[in-house]
Amino acid sequence: MKPATAAKKLGIFLPATPEEFQNNALTHEEYVELQSNPPEWLAELRRNGPHPRPEVARKLGITITALKKNGMDKPLTTAEIKALLADQPEWLRAARTSLAEQRSAE
């Protein structure tokens, strides 16, 4: 498995991973081992980021499109996400409300 694919499946931002991870393909067994027994660097990335766009959108409770539309199409750390949630700008409040309404209508 290519490093980019593995990073996407693990929900981590590839450029923030160790060089060894970025430069080497993983076997399925290695991928399963990372999932079941994550090394410290992986646990740290999952805990504190920077997080890739899909993970940022999920943590904020909005869509990736809303991130892009509001100029937030970049990796964010957990602290940055928490700060946005604590003091929500109007665009974030509107995007969260919109997604919640879409989900309740389904």
N, C-alpha and C. Protein backbone atom coordinates (compact mmCIF):
# COMPACT_ATOMS: atom_id res chain seq x y z
N MET A 1 0.85 -1.17 0.00
CA MET A 1 0.00 0.00 0.00
C MET A 1 0.90 1.24 0.00
N LYS A 2 0.55 2.18 -0.85
CA LYS A 2 1.33 3.41 -0.92
C LYS A 2 1.16 4.21 0.38
N PRO A 3 2.18 4.99 0.74
CA PRO A 3 2.09 5.79 1.96
C PRO A 3 0.87 6.73 1.98
N ALA A 4 0.56 7.33 0.84
CA ALA A 4 -0.59 8.25 0.79
C ALA A 4 -1.90 7.52 1.08
N THR A 5 -2.03 6.32 0.54
CA THR A 5 -3.22 5.51 0.78
C THR A 5 -3.32 5.12 2.25
N ALA A 6 -2.20 4.68 2.81
CA ALA A 6 -2.17 4.28 4.22
C ALA A 6 -2.53 5.46 5.12
N ALA A 7 -1.96 6.64 4.82
CA ALA A 7 -2.24 7.83 5.62
C ALA A 7 -3.73 8.18 5.56
N LYS A 8 -4.29 8.09 4.36
CA LYS A 8 -5.71 8.40 4.20
C LYS A 8 -6.57 7.43 5.02
N LYS A 9 -6.24 6.14 4.94
CA LYS A 9 -7.00 5.13 5.68
C LYS A 9 -6.83 5.28 7.19
N LEU A 10 -5.66 5.74 7.62
CA LEU A 10 -5.40 5.93 9.04
C LEU A 10 -5.94 7.27 9.55
N GLY A 11 -6.36 8.15 8.62
CA GLY A 11 -6.90 9.45 9.01
C GLY A 11 -5.84 10.42 9.50
N ILE A 12 -4.64 10.34 8.91
CA ILE A 12 -3.54 11.21 9.34
C ILE A 12 -3.02 12.03 8.16
N PHE A 13 -2.35 13.12 8.46
CA PHE A 13 -1.79 14.04 7.47
C PHE A 13 -0.40 13.54 7.08
N LEU A 14 -0.25 13.05 5.84
CA LEU A 14 0.99 12.41 5.39
C LEU A 14 2.25 13.25 5.62
N PRO A 15 2.27 14.56 5.27
CA PRO A 15 3.51 15.33 5.49
C PRO A 15 3.95 15.42 6.95
N ALA A 16 3.06 15.12 7.88
CA ALA A 16 3.42 15.18 9.30
C ALA A 16 3.97 13.85 9.82
N THR A 17 3.96 12.83 8.98
CA THR A 17 4.44 11.51 9.40
C THR A 17 5.96 11.44 9.30
N PRO A 18 6.57 10.47 9.98
CA PRO A 18 8.03 10.31 9.87
C PRO A 18 8.44 10.00 8.42
N GLU A 19 9.64 10.41 8.07
CA GLU A 19 10.15 10.22 6.72
C GLU A 19 10.10 8.75 6.30
N GLU A 20 10.40 7.87 7.23
CA GLU A 20 10.38 6.43 6.94
C GLU A 20 9.00 5.98 6.47
N PHE A 21 7.95 6.50 7.08
CA PHE A 21 6.58 6.17 6.69
C PHE A 21 6.27 6.74 5.31
N GLN A 22 6.71 7.97 5.06
CA GLN A 22 6.42 8.65 3.80
C GLN A 22 7.11 8.00 2.60
N ASN A 23 8.26 7.38 2.83
CA ASN A 23 9.08 6.87 1.73
C ASN A 23 8.95 5.38 1.47
N ASN A 24 8.18 4.66 2.27
CA ASN A 24 8.10 3.21 2.12
C ASN A 24 6.66 2.73 2.03
N ALA A 25 6.44 1.80 1.11
CA ALA A 25 5.12 1.19 1.00
C ALA A 25 4.90 0.26 2.19
N LEU A 26 3.64 0.05 2.52
CA LEU A 26 3.29 -0.84 3.63
C LEU A 26 2.63 -2.11 3.11
N THR A 27 2.90 -3.21 3.76
CA THR A 27 2.16 -4.43 3.46
C THR A 27 0.84 -4.35 4.23
N HIS A 28 -0.07 -5.23 3.87
CA HIS A 28 -1.35 -5.25 4.59
C HIS A 28 -1.12 -5.57 6.07
N GLU A 29 -0.19 -6.46 6.34
CA GLU A 29 0.11 -6.84 7.72
C GLU A 29 0.64 -5.65 8.51
N GLU A 30 1.52 -4.86 7.88
CA GLU A 30 2.06 -3.67 8.56
C GLU A 30 0.95 -2.65 8.84
N TYR A 31 0.04 -2.50 7.88
CA TYR A 31 -1.08 -1.58 8.06
C TYR A 31 -1.97 -2.02 9.23
N VAL A 32 -2.29 -3.31 9.26
CA VAL A 32 -3.12 -3.85 10.34
C VAL A 32 -2.41 -3.67 11.68
N GLU A 33 -1.10 -3.86 11.70
CA GLU A 33 -0.33 -3.68 12.94
C GLU A 33 -0.38 -2.22 13.39
N LEU A 34 -0.28 -1.27 12.45
CA LEU A 34 -0.38 0.15 12.80
C LEU A 34 -1.75 0.47 13.41
N GLN A 35 -2.79 -0.15 12.87
CA GLN A 35 -4.13 0.09 13.38
C GLN A 35 -4.31 -0.49 14.78
N SER A 36 -3.85 -1.71 14.96
CA SER A 36 -4.10 -2.39 16.23
C SER A 36 -3.11 -2.03 17.33
N ASN A 37 -1.90 -1.63 16.93
CA ASN A 37 -0.87 -1.30 17.92
C ASN A 37 -0.10 -0.07 17.43
N PRO A 38 -0.75 1.12 17.45
CA PRO A 38 -0.12 2.31 16.87
C PRO A 38 1.14 2.73 17.64
N PRO A 39 2.21 3.07 16.88
CA PRO A 39 3.41 3.60 17.54
C PRO A 39 3.11 4.99 18.11
N GLU A 40 4.00 5.49 18.93
CA GLU A 40 3.78 6.78 19.60
C GLU A 40 3.54 7.92 18.61
N TRP A 41 4.30 7.95 17.49
CA TRP A 41 4.14 9.05 16.53
C TRP A 41 2.73 9.04 15.94
N LEU A 42 2.16 7.86 15.70
CA LEU A 42 0.81 7.77 15.14
C LEU A 42 -0.23 8.19 16.18
N ALA A 43 -0.06 7.73 17.40
CA ALA A 43 -0.99 8.12 18.47
C ALA A 43 -0.94 9.64 18.68
N GLU A 44 0.25 10.20 18.64
CA GLU A 44 0.42 11.66 18.81
C GLU A 44 -0.26 12.43 17.68
N LEU A 45 -0.07 11.97 16.43
CA LEU A 45 -0.72 12.62 15.29
C LEU A 45 -2.23 12.56 15.41
N ARG A 46 -2.75 11.41 15.78
CA ARG A 46 -4.20 11.28 15.93
C ARG A 46 -4.74 12.16 17.05
N ARG A 47 -3.96 12.30 18.09
CA ARG A 47 -4.38 13.08 19.26
C ARG A 47 -4.29 14.59 19.00
N ASN A 48 -3.16 15.04 18.44
CA ASN A 48 -2.88 16.48 18.35
C ASN A 48 -2.81 17.05 16.95
N GLY A 49 -2.74 16.20 15.92
CA GLY A 49 -2.64 16.70 14.56
C GLY A 49 -1.24 17.10 14.18
N PRO A 50 -1.09 17.75 13.07
CA PRO A 50 -2.13 18.33 12.22
C PRO A 50 -2.98 17.24 11.56
N HIS A 51 -4.27 17.56 11.40
CA HIS A 51 -5.23 16.62 10.85
C HIS A 51 -5.51 16.96 9.39
N PRO A 52 -5.74 15.94 8.55
CA PRO A 52 -6.09 16.19 7.15
C PRO A 52 -7.51 16.76 7.04
N ARG A 53 -7.81 17.31 5.90
CA ARG A 53 -9.09 17.97 5.64
C ARG A 53 -10.32 17.14 6.05
N PRO A 54 -10.42 15.86 5.67
CA PRO A 54 -11.62 15.11 6.08
C PRO A 54 -11.77 15.01 7.60
N GLU A 55 -10.67 14.87 8.29
CA GLU A 55 -10.71 14.76 9.75
C GLU A 55 -11.06 16.11 10.38
N VAL A 56 -10.55 17.20 9.81
CA VAL A 56 -10.88 18.54 10.31
C VAL A 56 -12.39 18.77 10.16
N ALA A 57 -12.92 18.44 8.98
CA ALA A 57 -14.35 18.62 8.74
C ALA A 57 -15.17 17.79 9.72
N ARG A 58 -14.77 16.54 9.94
CA ARG A 58 -15.49 15.67 10.86
C ARG A 58 -15.48 16.23 12.28
N LYS A 59 -14.31 16.67 12.73
CA LYS A 59 -14.19 17.19 14.10
C LYS A 59 -14.98 18.49 14.28
N LEU A 60 -15.08 19.28 13.21
CA LEU A 60 -15.84 20.53 13.29
C LEU A 60 -17.34 20.32 13.07
N GLY A 61 -17.70 19.15 12.56
CA GLY A 61 -19.11 18.87 12.31
C GLY A 61 -19.64 19.57 11.08
N ILE A 62 -18.77 19.71 10.05
CA ILE A 62 -19.17 20.37 8.81
C ILE A 62 -18.66 19.55 7.62
N THR A 63 -18.97 20.00 6.42
CA THR A 63 -18.51 19.31 5.22
C THR A 63 -17.16 19.87 4.76
N ILE A 64 -16.48 19.09 3.94
CA ILE A 64 -15.22 19.55 3.35
C ILE A 64 -15.49 20.76 2.46
N THR A 65 -16.62 20.75 1.78
CA THR A 65 -16.99 21.89 0.93
C THR A 65 -17.09 23.17 1.74
N ALA A 66 -17.67 23.09 2.93
CA ALA A 66 -17.78 24.27 3.80
C ALA A 66 -16.40 24.76 4.22
N LEU A 67 -15.48 23.83 4.47
CA LEU A 67 -14.11 24.22 4.80
C LEU A 67 -13.49 25.01 3.66
N LYS A 68 -13.60 24.46 2.45
CA LYS A 68 -13.01 25.10 1.26
C LYS A 68 -13.63 26.47 1.01
N LYS A 69 -14.95 26.53 1.10
CA LYS A 69 -15.67 27.77 0.81
C LYS A 69 -15.29 28.90 1.76
N ASN A 70 -14.84 28.55 2.95
CA ASN A 70 -14.52 29.56 3.95
C ASN A 70 -13.02 29.72 4.20
N GLY A 71 -12.22 29.27 3.24
CA GLY A 71 -10.77 29.48 3.31
C GLY A 71 -10.07 28.69 4.39
N MET A 72 -10.68 27.60 4.84
CA MET A 72 -10.08 26.79 5.91
C MET A 72 -9.60 25.46 5.36
N ASP A 73 -9.27 25.43 4.09
CA ASP A 73 -8.86 24.21 3.40
C ASP A 73 -7.38 23.92 3.68
N LYS A 74 -7.08 23.66 4.94
CA LYS A 74 -5.69 23.40 5.34
C LYS A 74 -5.70 22.48 6.56
N PRO A 75 -4.60 21.82 6.81
CA PRO A 75 -4.53 20.97 8.01
C PRO A 75 -4.60 21.84 9.27
N LEU A 76 -5.32 21.36 10.26
CA LEU A 76 -5.42 22.07 11.54
C LEU A 76 -5.04 21.13 12.67
N THR A 77 -4.49 21.69 13.72
CA THR A 77 -4.18 20.89 14.91
C THR A 77 -5.44 20.75 15.76
N THR A 78 -5.39 19.86 16.70
CA THR A 78 -6.51 19.68 17.62
C THR A 78 -6.78 20.96 18.39
N ALA A 79 -5.73 21.65 18.80
CA ALA A 79 -5.89 22.91 19.54
C ALA A 79 -6.59 23.96 18.69
N GLU A 80 -6.23 24.04 17.41
CA GLU A 80 -6.88 25.01 16.51
C GLU A 80 -8.35 24.66 16.31
N ILE A 81 -8.65 23.37 16.20
CA ILE A 81 -10.04 22.94 16.04
C ILE A 81 -10.85 23.27 17.29
N LYS A 82 -10.28 22.99 18.45
CA LYS A 82 -10.97 23.29 19.71
C LYS A 82 -11.21 24.79 19.86
N ALA A 83 -10.24 25.60 19.44
CA ALA A 83 -10.40 27.06 19.52
C ALA A 83 -11.53 27.52 18.61
N LEU A 84 -11.62 26.95 17.41
CA LEU A 84 -12.72 27.31 16.50
C LEU A 84 -14.07 26.90 17.09
N LEU A 85 -14.12 25.73 17.69
CA LEU A 85 -15.38 25.27 18.28
C LEU A 85 -15.78 26.09 19.50
N ALA A 86 -14.80 26.54 20.26
CA ALA A 86 -15.07 27.33 21.46
C ALA A 86 -15.59 28.73 21.12
N ASP A 87 -15.04 29.32 20.06
CA ASP A 87 -15.43 30.67 19.66
C ASP A 87 -15.79 30.61 18.17
N GLN A 88 -16.97 30.07 17.88
CA GLN A 88 -17.35 29.77 16.51
C GLN A 88 -17.63 31.02 15.69
N PRO A 89 -16.90 31.16 14.56
CA PRO A 89 -17.25 32.25 13.64
C PRO A 89 -18.62 31.95 13.01
N GLU A 90 -19.23 32.97 12.46
CA GLU A 90 -20.57 32.82 11.90
C GLU A 90 -20.62 31.74 10.81
N TRP A 91 -19.59 31.68 9.94
CA TRP A 91 -19.60 30.68 8.87
C TRP A 91 -19.62 29.26 9.44
N LEU A 92 -18.92 29.03 10.55
CA LEU A 92 -18.88 27.70 11.16
C LEU A 92 -20.23 27.34 11.77
N ARG A 93 -20.84 28.30 12.45
CA ARG A 93 -22.17 28.07 13.03
C ARG A 93 -23.17 27.71 11.94
N ALA A 94 -23.12 28.47 10.84
CA ALA A 94 -24.05 28.24 9.73
C ALA A 94 -23.80 26.88 9.08
N ALA A 95 -22.53 26.52 8.88
CA ALA A 95 -22.20 25.24 8.25
C ALA A 95 -22.61 24.07 9.13
N ARG A 96 -22.42 24.19 10.44
CA ARG A 96 -22.81 23.13 11.38
C ARG A 96 -24.33 22.96 11.39
N THR A 97 -25.05 24.08 11.39
CA THR A 97 -26.51 24.04 11.38
C THR A 97 -27.01 23.41 10.09
N SER A 98 -26.42 23.82 8.97
CA SER A 98 -26.82 23.30 7.66
C SER A 98 -26.62 21.79 7.58
N LEU A 99 -25.47 21.30 8.02
CA LEU A 99 -25.21 19.87 7.97
C LEU A 99 -26.14 19.11 8.91
N ALA A 100 -26.40 19.65 10.08
CA ALA A 100 -27.32 19.00 11.02
C ALA A 100 -28.72 18.90 10.42
N GLU A 101 -29.16 19.96 9.73
CA GLU A 101 -30.48 19.95 9.10
C GLU A 101 -30.54 18.93 7.98
N GLN A 102 -29.47 18.85 7.18
CA GLN A 102 -29.41 17.86 6.10
C GLN A 102 -29.50 16.45 6.66
N ARG A 103 -28.78 16.19 7.72
CA ARG A 103 -28.76 14.84 8.31
C ARG A 103 -30.10 14.48 8.94
N SER A 104 -30.77 15.45 9.55
CA SER A 104 -32.06 15.15 10.18
C SER A 104 -33.15 14.93 9.13
N ALA A 105 -32.99 15.52 7.95
CA ALA A 105 -33.96 15.35 6.88
C ALA A 105 -33.83 13.98 6.20
N GLU A 106 -32.68 13.35 6.34
CA GLU A 106 -32.46 12.06 5.67
C GLU A 106 -33.09 10.91 6.38
